[in-house]
Amino acid sequence: MDHHQRVGSSIASISSTGTGLP
């Protein structure tokens, strides 16, 4: 389940910066 955790981290990082997500 390492991959899933890594993806979540990436999404959280993007959401924090607001690159293009709502």
PDB file of N, CA and C in Angstrom:
ATOM      1  N   MET A   1       0.836  -1.217   0.000  1.00  0.00           N
ATOM      2  CA  MET A   1       0.000   0.000   0.000  1.00  0.00           C
ATOM      3  C   MET A   1       0.870   1.267   0.000  1.00  0.00           C
ATOM      4  N   ASP A   2       2.131   1.086  -0.305  1.00  0.00           N
ATOM      5  CA  ASP A   2       3.030   2.250  -0.302  1.00  0.00           C
ATOM      6  C   ASP A   2       2.664   3.212  -1.436  1.00  0.00           C
ATOM      7  N   HIS A   3       2.314   2.630  -2.574  1.00  0.00           N
ATOM      8  CA  HIS A   3       1.986   3.453  -3.734  1.00  0.00           C
ATOM      9  C   HIS A   3       0.790   4.354  -3.427  1.00  0.00           C
ATOM     10  N   HIS A   4      -0.222   3.786  -2.807  1.00  0.00           N
ATOM     11  CA  HIS A   4      -1.433   4.565  -2.508  1.00  0.00           C
ATOM     12  C   HIS A   4      -1.084   5.741  -1.592  1.00  0.00           C
ATOM     13  N   GLN A   5      -0.262   5.475  -0.594  1.00  0.00           N
ATOM     14  CA  GLN A   5       0.108   6.532   0.347  1.00  0.00           C
ATOM     15  C   GLN A   5       0.885   7.628  -0.382  1.00  0.00           C
ATOM     16  N   ARG A   6       1.735   7.216  -1.296  1.00  0.00           N
ATOM     17  CA  ARG A   6       2.533   8.193  -2.026  1.00  0.00           C
ATOM     18  C   ARG A   6       1.629   9.097  -2.874  1.00  0.00           C
ATOM     19  N   VAL A   7       0.642   8.507  -3.508  1.00  0.00           N
ATOM     20  CA  VAL A   7      -0.281   9.283  -4.339  1.00  0.00           C
ATOM     21  C   VAL A   7      -1.035  10.295  -3.471  1.00  0.00           C
ATOM     22  N   GLY A   8      -1.477   9.856  -2.308  1.00  0.00           N
ATOM     23  CA  GLY A   8      -2.206  10.755  -1.413  1.00  0.00           C
ATOM     24  C   GLY A   8      -1.346  11.939  -1.022  1.00  0.00           C
ATOM     25  N   SER A   9      -0.073  11.686  -0.778  1.00  0.00           N
ATOM     26  CA  SER A   9       0.847  12.756  -0.388  1.00  0.00           C
ATOM     27  C   SER A   9       0.974  13.768  -1.523  1.00  0.00           C
ATOM     28  N   SER A  10       1.051  13.253  -2.741  1.00  0.00           N
ATOM     29  CA  SER A  10       1.193  14.139  -3.905  1.00  0.00           C
ATOM     30  C   SER A  10      -0.050  15.002  -4.052  1.00  0.00           C
ATOM     31  N   ILE A  11      -1.206  14.390  -3.887  1.00  0.00           N
ATOM     32  CA  ILE A  11      -2.466  15.135  -4.018  1.00  0.00           C
ATOM     33  C   ILE A  11      -2.544  16.213  -2.940  1.00  0.00           C
ATOM     34  N   ALA A  12      -2.162  15.859  -1.724  1.00  0.00           N
ATOM     35  CA  ALA A  12      -2.216  16.822  -0.621  1.00  0.00           C
ATOM     36  C   ALA A  12      -1.290  17.996  -0.911  1.00  0.00           C
ATOM     37  N   SER A  13      -0.121  17.696  -1.453  1.00  0.00           N
ATOM     38  CA  SER A  13       0.842  18.757  -1.759  1.00  0.00           C
ATOM     39  C   SER A  13       0.286  19.694  -2.824  1.00  0.00           C
ATOM     40  N   ILE A  14      -0.321  19.116  -3.848  1.00  0.00           N
ATOM     41  CA  ILE A  14      -0.878  19.926  -4.929  1.00  0.00           C
ATOM     42  C   ILE A  14      -2.045  20.765  -4.399  1.00  0.00           C
ATOM     43  N   SER A  15      -2.890  20.138  -3.598  1.00  0.00           N
ATOM     44  CA  SER A  15      -4.056  20.837  -3.066  1.00  0.00           C
ATOM     45  C   SER A  15      -3.608  22.020  -2.205  1.00  0.00           C
ATOM     46  N   SER A  16      -2.513  21.825  -1.476  1.00  0.00           N
ATOM     47  CA  SER A  16      -2.015  22.879  -0.603  1.00  0.00           C
ATOM     48  C   SER A  16      -1.543  24.079  -1.424  1.00  0.00           C
ATOM     49  N   THR A  17      -0.867  23.796  -2.535  1.00  0.00           N
ATOM     50  CA  THR A  17      -0.347  24.887  -3.362  1.00  0.00           C
ATOM     51  C   THR A  17      -1.434  25.438  -4.278  1.00  0.00           C
ATOM     52  N   GLY A  18      -2.369  24.601  -4.661  1.00  0.00           N
ATOM     53  CA  GLY A  18      -3.454  25.048  -5.538  1.00  0.00           C
ATOM     54  C   GLY A  18      -2.940  25.188  -6.960  1.00  0.00           C
ATOM     55  N   THR A  19      -2.293  24.139  -7.473  1.00  0.00           N
ATOM     56  CA  THR A  19      -1.736  24.219  -8.826  1.00  0.00           C
ATOM     57  C   THR A  19      -2.856  24.280  -9.865  1.00  0.00           C
ATOM     58  N   GLY A  20      -3.961  23.608  -9.599  1.00  0.00           N
ATOM     59  CA  GLY A  20      -5.052  23.612 -10.567  1.00  0.00           C
ATOM     60  C   GLY A  20      -6.213  22.786 -10.055  1.00  0.00           C
ATOM     61  N   LEU A  21      -6.154  22.403  -8.789  1.00  0.00           N
ATOM     62  CA  LEU A  21      -7.260  21.610  -8.217  1.00  0.00           C
ATOM     63  C   LEU A  21      -8.185  22.524  -7.426  1.00  0.00           C
ATOM     64  N   PRO A  22      -9.430  22.165  -7.302  1.00  0.00           N
ATOM     65  CA  PRO A  22     -10.427  22.984  -6.602  1.00  0.00           C
ATOM     66  C   PRO A  22     -10.143  23.065  -5.103  1.00  0.00           C
TER      67      PRO A  22
END
